[in-house]
Amino acid sequence: MPQQSFVYVTYIRTTAEKLWEALITPEFTRQFWFGFHQESTWKPGSSWKLVTSDGRVADAGEVLECDPPKRLVLKWHHELNPELKADGDTRCTMMIEPDGEMVKLTITHEAERPITLIDKVSGGWPAILSSLKSMLETGKALPRTHVSAPRRAAE
């Protein structure tokens, strides 16, 4: 059954500034996000794209809020799979909160109604964020998340 929202919280032994840099810089993002990277100027109102390693735009939208290194809010819609594209816009909020020697990262991905895209991202975010945590704490992303995601027949 489709979900309306997904929330993931993790604690990472790093600084808010290093986490922010890892989240928005293509060289870092490619390491933990299946070879994908984000493209944006990171100014409110600017476009945002999540680009695959072979140059396809997987997801796109708009930067709604950008408050480095604390908060990033994106309007997000899928581009590759027609069924998921039909789900329309979602909202992804990334909150970074310092907590002693670590930071708390909360990802909230939500839609106005239950949709299949939220089910799909709820399967992807845990692997991506676990790999991000590993990369920042050990210098190495998790296996499989630092290489291109396999292409699906529907894409």
Protein backbone atom coordinates (compact mmCIF):
# COMPACT_ATOMS: atom_id res chain seq x y z
CA MET A 1 0.00 0.00 0.00
CA PRO A 2 1.47 3.38 -0.98
CA GLN A 3 2.76 5.63 1.74
CA GLN A 4 2.42 9.39 2.16
CA SER A 5 5.67 10.05 4.02
CA PHE A 6 8.99 8.54 4.97
CA VAL A 7 11.29 9.71 7.77
CA TYR A 8 14.83 8.49 8.39
CA VAL A 9 17.07 9.63 11.23
CA THR A 10 20.75 8.81 11.63
CA TYR A 11 23.60 10.10 13.76
CA ILE A 12 26.97 10.62 12.10
CA ARG A 13 30.32 11.30 13.74
CA THR A 14 31.21 14.40 11.71
CA THR A 15 30.54 18.12 11.66
CA ALA A 16 27.49 19.81 10.20
CA GLU A 17 29.73 21.52 7.65
CA LYS A 18 31.30 18.26 6.42
CA LEU A 19 27.89 16.59 6.19
CA TRP A 20 26.47 19.53 4.25
CA GLU A 21 29.41 19.41 1.83
CA ALA A 22 28.92 15.67 1.31
CA LEU A 23 25.22 16.15 0.60
CA ILE A 24 25.57 18.85 -2.07
CA THR A 25 28.98 18.33 -3.72
CA PRO A 26 28.94 16.05 -6.77
CA GLU A 27 32.37 14.51 -6.01
CA PHE A 28 31.12 13.37 -2.60
CA THR A 29 27.59 12.45 -3.65
CA ARG A 30 28.78 10.08 -6.39
CA GLN A 31 30.63 8.04 -3.75
CA PHE A 32 27.58 7.11 -1.65
CA TRP A 33 24.56 7.60 -3.96
CA PHE A 34 25.01 4.83 -6.57
CA GLY A 35 27.21 7.06 -8.73
CA PHE A 36 24.48 9.74 -8.95
CA HIS A 37 25.15 13.42 -8.30
CA GLN A 38 23.06 16.50 -7.71
CA GLU A 39 23.16 19.65 -9.81
CA SER A 40 21.96 23.00 -8.49
CA THR A 41 23.12 26.46 -7.49
CA TRP A 42 21.49 25.73 -4.10
CA LYS A 43 19.62 29.02 -4.03
CA PRO A 44 15.88 29.07 -3.22
CA GLY A 45 13.94 28.97 -6.48
CA SER A 46 16.77 27.37 -8.45
CA SER A 47 16.37 24.10 -10.29
CA TRP A 48 17.66 20.84 -8.82
CA LYS A 49 18.51 17.57 -10.59
CA LEU A 50 19.68 14.14 -9.51
CA VAL A 51 21.76 12.84 -12.43
CA THR A 52 22.75 9.22 -13.05
CA SER A 53 26.31 8.21 -13.84
CA ASP A 54 25.38 7.96 -17.54
CA GLY A 55 23.89 11.47 -17.62
CA ARG A 56 20.15 10.72 -17.37
CA VAL A 57 18.07 12.90 -15.05
CA ALA A 58 16.56 10.51 -12.51
CA ASP A 59 14.78 13.12 -10.38
CA ALA A 60 14.34 16.87 -10.66
CA GLY A 61 12.64 19.78 -8.98
CA GLU A 62 13.35 23.03 -7.23
CA VAL A 63 15.26 24.24 -4.20
CA LEU A 64 12.56 25.52 -1.84
CA GLU A 65 14.81 26.34 1.13
CA CYS A 66 18.57 26.33 1.61
CA ASP A 67 20.09 27.23 4.99
CA PRO A 68 23.65 25.81 5.10
CA PRO A 69 24.63 23.77 7.04
CA LYS A 70 21.25 23.21 8.71
CA ARG A 71 18.37 22.72 6.31
CA LEU A 72 17.70 21.89 2.68
CA VAL A 73 14.18 21.52 1.28
CA LEU A 74 13.59 20.27 -2.26
CA LYS A 75 10.52 19.95 -4.45
CA TRP A 76 11.19 16.52 -5.96
CA HIS A 77 9.66 14.54 -8.80
CA HIS A 78 10.82 11.42 -10.57
CA GLU A 79 11.72 11.54 -14.27
CA LEU A 80 12.61 8.01 -15.50
CA ASN A 81 9.77 5.62 -14.65
CA PRO A 82 6.42 6.77 -16.16
CA GLU A 83 4.40 5.37 -13.24
CA LEU A 84 6.52 7.19 -10.67
CA LYS A 85 6.65 10.35 -12.78
CA ALA A 86 2.84 10.37 -12.76
CA ASP A 87 2.93 10.56 -8.95
CA GLY A 88 3.92 14.23 -9.30
CA ASP A 89 5.79 16.40 -6.84
CA THR A 90 7.01 15.41 -3.41
CA ARG A 91 8.92 17.36 -0.78
CA CYS A 92 12.24 16.25 0.67
CA THR A 93 13.55 17.99 3.79
CA MET A 94 17.08 17.39 5.04
CA MET A 95 17.70 18.65 8.58
CA ILE A 96 21.18 18.70 10.14
CA GLU A 97 21.48 19.27 13.89
CA PRO A 98 24.79 19.28 15.81
CA ASP A 99 24.82 16.90 18.79
CA GLY A 100 28.17 16.96 20.59
CA GLU A 101 30.80 15.16 18.49
CA MET A 102 28.22 14.10 15.95
CA VAL A 103 25.30 15.42 13.94
CA LYS A 104 21.74 14.23 13.66
CA LEU A 105 20.53 13.97 10.06
CA THR A 106 16.79 13.70 9.50
CA ILE A 107 15.40 13.08 6.02
CA THR A 108 11.66 13.58 5.59
CA HIS A 109 10.30 12.71 2.16
CA GLU A 110 6.57 13.36 1.81
CA ALA A 111 3.67 13.79 -0.56
CA GLU A 112 0.21 15.27 -0.25
CA ARG A 113 -1.31 11.79 -0.65
CA PRO A 114 -0.09 8.19 -0.54
CA ILE A 115 1.97 7.48 -3.68
CA THR A 116 4.24 4.74 -5.00
CA LEU A 117 7.27 7.08 -5.20
CA ILE A 118 7.36 7.34 -1.39
CA ASP A 119 7.44 3.52 -1.20
CA LYS A 120 10.40 3.51 -3.60
CA VAL A 121 12.42 6.20 -1.82
CA SER A 122 11.79 4.48 1.52
CA GLY A 123 13.77 1.55 0.12
CA GLY A 124 16.58 3.73 -1.25
CA TRP A 125 17.18 6.29 1.48
CA PRO A 126 18.38 3.79 4.15
CA ALA A 127 21.11 2.39 1.86
CA ILE A 128 22.17 5.85 0.65
CA LEU A 129 22.31 7.36 4.13
CA SER A 130 24.05 4.34 5.66
CA SER A 131 26.68 4.65 2.96
CA LEU A 132 26.99 8.39 3.59
CA LYS A 133 27.51 7.69 7.30
CA SER A 134 30.14 5.06 6.55
CA MET A 135 31.94 7.35 4.10
CA LEU A 136 32.12 10.25 6.54
CA GLU A 137 33.18 8.11 9.49
CA THR A 138 35.60 5.71 7.79
CA GLY A 139 36.46 7.32 4.46
CA LYS A 140 34.79 4.51 2.48
CA ALA A 141 31.24 4.25 1.16
CA LEU A 142 29.41 0.94 1.50
CA PRO A 143 29.78 -1.63 -1.29
CA ARG A 144 27.28 -1.27 -4.15
CA THR A 145 26.33 2.31 -3.23
CA HIS A 146 29.46 3.84 -4.74
CA VAL A 147 28.80 2.38 -8.19
CA SER A 148 25.99 2.90 -10.67
CA ALA A 149 22.59 1.54 -9.76
CA PRO A 150 21.40 -1.24 -12.05
CA ARG A 151 19.01 -0.06 -14.77
CA ARG A 152 15.46 -1.29 -14.37
CA ALA A 153 13.39 -2.51 -17.31
CA ALA A 154 10.78 0.22 -16.70
CA GLU A 155 13.35 3.04 -17.03
